[in-house]
Structure formats: C-alpha cells, structure tokens
Amino acid sequence: MVSPTSDALIKAAQAGDRAAFAQVLSDYYDTLYRFAYRWCGNRSDADDVTQQACIKLAQSIGQFRFDAAFSTWLYRLVVNCAKDWQRSQGRHQHDDIDQLTHEARPDQSAETGIYLHQILTWLDSLAEGFKETALLVHAEGLTHAEAASILQIKESTVSWRLHEIRKQLQHFQPRDGRWEASL
C-alpha cells in the first residue's frame, strides 16, 4: 500500500516545486501502473497509459482540491487516460491473446490468461462505467463507498452495477473443465 503523501507535499507540487512533484510521482507511480495494467490487461499498453497518466498528472495536479483522497483523484485520472488511449488506438487493448498468455503470472495457466482476456473483452462491451466499477471493487479491493467516490456516483449505483455484472457473468460457464464465453 502507498504511504500517504502529505497535503503539504501535494500543495508544494501544485505550486511548482519540482522536487515535491517528483516525490508525489514516486509515491504513487506503482499505484498508477497497477491500475493501468488492470485496465489494459498487458504490460506494454499499461506502460503507455501510465506514461500518459504521469504527463496528465503534471499538467493537472493544480486541479486537485483536497475534497477527496488523492488516490481517489488519481484513479479517475488513470481511467480517463486509459479511455483516451484506447480511443486513440482505434482498437480494443486486449487483442493480442498470445501476449496476454505470455504475461500471465507463473502461477497462472494459459487457460487462465485466455479466460482473463475473455472477461476483459466482455467488460469492454458493457455500458459506460461497468468496467471501472468492477476493477475498482474486485481488482483494487475498494469498498462500494470508495468506488462511488472515485466514480462520482451513488454507492447504490456501484452495488447495482456489480449485481448486473454478476448476473451477466452467468453466461461464462465451464465446459469440459474449461472456461468459455457462451455469449
């Protein structure tokens, strides 16, 4: 977990203190990358999104108003950068199954990597906000209230979205011991 960056350090970065900004970026870089990776599903794309998020952070840190946790504001920044990046690519970010299965953790099978690819592709096809909700709650481990704060929606909307996702996940059924989408 990230050690909290002090408000004074963030304010110094907002005022143009380069050393303060470097420290803020250092404190939160892993968080930015982790969320970008979970959004994209592969390292190469996550690197691109994280780079854009760092640039956007430098350009917009002055917009942070301290009315929410800094990490909450950063999650929103990364999501926006990921969406912008995805649109600029003109394709879905999970198109390379081979790359995804090669990047699977050592404790994951190739089937798990393919299943992850299917789920991420499926999440991309859902209505606006569903993917972010799923990633914040299930991948980042945030509470419904924390996810609602980041997404600037009601907590009940987060709960409803997750309920809808669970209902629709019933279309992903094991066949012959393998997970396949039956959409």
Protein backbone atom coordinates (compact mmCIF):
# COMPACT_ATOMS: atom_id res chain seq x y z
CA MET A 1 0.00 0.00 0.00
CA VAL A 2 1.15 3.50 -0.74
CA SER A 3 2.31 5.61 2.14
CA PRO A 4 0.09 8.66 2.21
CA THR A 5 1.61 11.73 0.63
CA SER A 6 1.16 14.73 2.85
CA ASP A 7 -1.15 17.54 1.83
CA ALA A 8 1.80 19.92 2.24
CA LEU A 9 3.83 17.95 -0.32
CA ILE A 10 0.92 17.96 -2.79
CA LYS A 11 0.43 21.71 -2.25
CA ALA A 12 4.14 22.28 -2.87
CA ALA A 13 3.88 20.26 -6.11
CA GLN A 14 0.84 22.33 -7.10
CA ALA A 15 2.89 25.48 -6.51
CA GLY A 16 5.53 24.28 -8.98
CA ASP A 17 8.08 22.66 -6.65
CA ARG A 18 9.69 20.06 -8.92
CA ALA A 19 11.20 18.06 -6.08
CA ALA A 20 7.81 17.84 -4.39
CA PHE A 21 6.20 16.70 -7.64
CA ALA A 22 8.92 14.09 -8.13
CA GLN A 23 8.23 12.77 -4.63
CA VAL A 24 4.46 12.64 -5.24
CA LEU A 25 5.05 10.80 -8.51
CA SER A 26 7.47 8.42 -6.81
CA ASP A 27 4.97 7.72 -4.03
CA TYR A 28 2.15 6.93 -6.47
CA TYR A 29 3.82 5.56 -9.60
CA ASP A 30 3.23 1.91 -8.67
CA THR A 31 -0.44 2.68 -7.98
CA LEU A 32 -0.80 4.40 -11.36
CA TYR A 33 0.84 1.48 -13.15
CA ARG A 34 -1.10 -1.20 -11.26
CA PHE A 35 -4.43 0.36 -12.14
CA ALA A 36 -3.40 0.91 -15.77
CA TYR A 37 -2.33 -2.73 -16.00
CA ARG A 38 -5.62 -3.94 -14.61
CA TRP A 39 -7.46 -1.73 -17.07
CA CYS A 40 -5.40 -2.76 -20.12
CA GLY A 41 -4.56 -6.36 -19.36
CA ASN A 42 -0.97 -6.27 -20.64
CA ARG A 43 2.29 -4.58 -19.74
CA SER A 44 3.01 -2.76 -22.97
CA ASP A 45 -0.33 -0.97 -23.03
CA ALA A 46 -0.16 -0.30 -19.29
CA ASP A 47 3.23 1.35 -19.82
CA ASP A 48 1.69 3.67 -22.42
CA VAL A 49 -1.30 4.54 -20.23
CA THR A 50 0.90 5.10 -17.19
CA GLN A 51 3.15 7.42 -19.18
CA GLN A 52 0.12 9.42 -20.28
CA ALA A 53 -1.18 9.47 -16.69
CA CYS A 54 2.16 10.88 -15.47
CA ILE A 55 2.01 13.63 -18.09
CA LYS A 56 -1.61 14.36 -17.22
CA LEU A 57 -0.74 14.43 -13.51
CA ALA A 58 1.96 17.03 -14.18
CA GLN A 59 -0.50 19.12 -16.19
CA SER A 60 -3.44 18.86 -13.82
CA ILE A 61 -2.16 18.43 -10.26
CA GLY A 62 -3.29 22.00 -9.64
CA GLN A 63 -6.88 20.86 -10.15
CA PHE A 64 -6.81 18.58 -7.11
CA ARG A 65 -8.93 20.30 -4.45
CA PHE A 66 -8.41 18.08 -1.36
CA ASP A 67 -12.12 17.27 -1.10
CA ALA A 68 -11.37 13.55 -1.57
CA ALA A 69 -8.36 11.32 -1.07
CA PHE A 70 -5.54 11.99 -3.53
CA SER A 71 -5.56 8.31 -4.57
CA THR A 72 -9.26 8.66 -5.44
CA TRP A 73 -8.47 11.56 -7.73
CA LEU A 74 -5.58 9.57 -9.28
CA TYR A 75 -7.80 6.58 -10.08
CA ARG A 76 -10.12 8.87 -12.01
CA LEU A 77 -7.12 10.37 -13.83
CA VAL A 78 -5.85 6.91 -14.87
CA VAL A 79 -9.29 5.79 -16.03
CA ASN A 80 -9.60 8.91 -18.18
CA CYS A 81 -6.13 8.39 -19.63
CA ALA A 82 -6.91 4.73 -20.34
CA LYS A 83 -10.11 5.64 -22.16
CA ASP A 84 -8.33 8.34 -24.16
CA TRP A 85 -5.54 5.95 -25.03
CA GLN A 86 -7.98 3.23 -26.04
CA ARG A 87 -9.83 5.63 -28.36
CA SER A 88 -6.54 6.83 -29.87
CA GLN A 89 -5.53 3.26 -30.66
CA GLY A 90 -8.74 2.61 -32.55
CA ARG A 91 -8.88 -0.91 -31.21
CA HIS A 92 -9.51 -2.84 -28.03
CA GLN A 93 -6.46 -3.11 -25.84
CA HIS A 94 -6.70 -6.89 -25.35
CA ASP A 95 -6.38 -8.02 -28.96
CA ASP A 96 -3.15 -9.98 -28.53
CA ILE A 97 -4.05 -13.20 -26.70
CA ASP A 98 -0.54 -14.61 -27.16
CA GLN A 99 0.98 -11.61 -25.39
CA LEU A 100 -1.57 -11.89 -22.60
CA THR A 101 -0.89 -15.59 -22.03
CA HIS A 102 2.89 -15.00 -22.08
CA GLU A 103 2.46 -12.28 -19.46
CA ALA A 104 0.38 -14.46 -17.17
CA ARG A 105 1.85 -14.85 -13.73
CA PRO A 106 3.84 -18.05 -13.18
CA ASP A 107 1.01 -19.43 -11.03
CA GLN A 108 -1.49 -18.93 -13.86
CA SER A 109 -2.13 -21.37 -16.68
CA ALA A 110 -2.54 -20.30 -20.29
CA GLU A 111 -6.24 -21.07 -19.87
CA THR A 112 -6.43 -18.57 -17.01
CA GLY A 113 -4.82 -15.93 -19.23
CA ILE A 114 -7.30 -16.64 -22.00
CA TYR A 115 -10.19 -16.52 -19.52
CA LEU A 116 -8.90 -13.17 -18.24
CA HIS A 117 -8.77 -11.94 -21.84
CA GLN A 118 -12.39 -13.01 -22.37
CA ILE A 119 -13.54 -11.27 -19.20
CA LEU A 120 -11.69 -8.02 -20.02
CA THR A 121 -13.04 -8.05 -23.57
CA TRP A 122 -16.53 -8.70 -22.22
CA LEU A 123 -16.18 -5.87 -19.67
CA ASP A 124 -15.22 -3.55 -22.55
CA SER A 125 -18.52 -4.37 -24.21
CA LEU A 126 -20.65 -3.35 -21.23
CA ALA A 127 -22.21 0.06 -20.76
CA GLU A 128 -20.13 3.02 -19.61
CA GLY A 129 -18.91 2.71 -16.03
CA PHE A 130 -19.26 -1.04 -15.55
CA LYS A 131 -15.60 -1.86 -16.24
CA GLU A 132 -14.38 0.87 -13.89
CA THR A 133 -16.74 -0.33 -11.18
CA ALA A 134 -15.59 -3.95 -11.50
CA LEU A 135 -11.91 -3.02 -11.49
CA LEU A 136 -12.16 -0.68 -8.52
CA VAL A 137 -14.08 -3.13 -6.34
CA HIS A 138 -12.73 -6.50 -7.45
CA ALA A 139 -9.22 -5.70 -8.68
CA GLU A 140 -8.35 -2.82 -6.35
CA GLY A 141 -10.30 -4.15 -3.36
CA LEU A 142 -12.10 -0.88 -2.69
CA THR A 143 -15.40 -0.70 -0.87
CA HIS A 144 -18.57 0.25 -2.69
CA ALA A 145 -18.41 3.66 -0.97
CA GLU A 146 -14.81 4.25 -2.09
CA ALA A 147 -15.61 3.23 -5.67
CA ALA A 148 -18.65 5.51 -5.64
CA SER A 149 -16.50 8.41 -4.52
CA ILE A 150 -13.97 7.81 -7.30
CA LEU A 151 -16.64 7.39 -9.97
CA GLN A 152 -18.68 10.28 -8.57
CA ILE A 153 -21.85 8.20 -8.40
CA LYS A 154 -24.09 6.90 -5.64
CA GLU A 155 -22.99 3.86 -3.66
CA SER A 156 -26.26 2.15 -4.64
CA THR A 157 -25.25 2.55 -8.31
CA VAL A 158 -21.99 0.72 -7.62
CA SER A 159 -23.94 -2.08 -5.93
CA TRP A 160 -26.41 -2.26 -8.81
CA ARG A 161 -23.63 -2.38 -11.42
CA LEU A 162 -21.88 -5.20 -9.60
CA HIS A 163 -25.16 -7.09 -9.30
CA GLU A 164 -25.73 -6.70 -13.06
CA ILE A 165 -22.18 -7.87 -13.79
CA ARG A 166 -22.68 -10.97 -11.61
CA LYS A 167 -25.96 -11.75 -13.38
CA GLN A 168 -24.34 -11.42 -16.79
CA LEU A 169 -21.30 -13.49 -15.75
CA GLN A 170 -23.58 -16.50 -15.69
CA HIS A 171 -23.02 -16.53 -19.47
CA PHE A 172 -19.43 -17.60 -18.76
CA GLN A 173 -19.79 -21.27 -17.97
CA PRO A 174 -17.27 -24.06 -17.59
CA ARG A 175 -17.40 -26.54 -20.46
CA ASP A 176 -15.43 -29.76 -20.21
CA GLY A 177 -13.43 -28.25 -17.35
CA ARG A 178 -12.55 -25.14 -19.40
CA TRP A 179 -13.97 -21.68 -19.12
CA GLU A 180 -15.51 -20.37 -22.30
CA ALA A 181 -17.76 -17.47 -23.05
CA SER A 182 -21.22 -18.55 -24.12
CA LEU A 183 -22.35 -15.11 -25.15
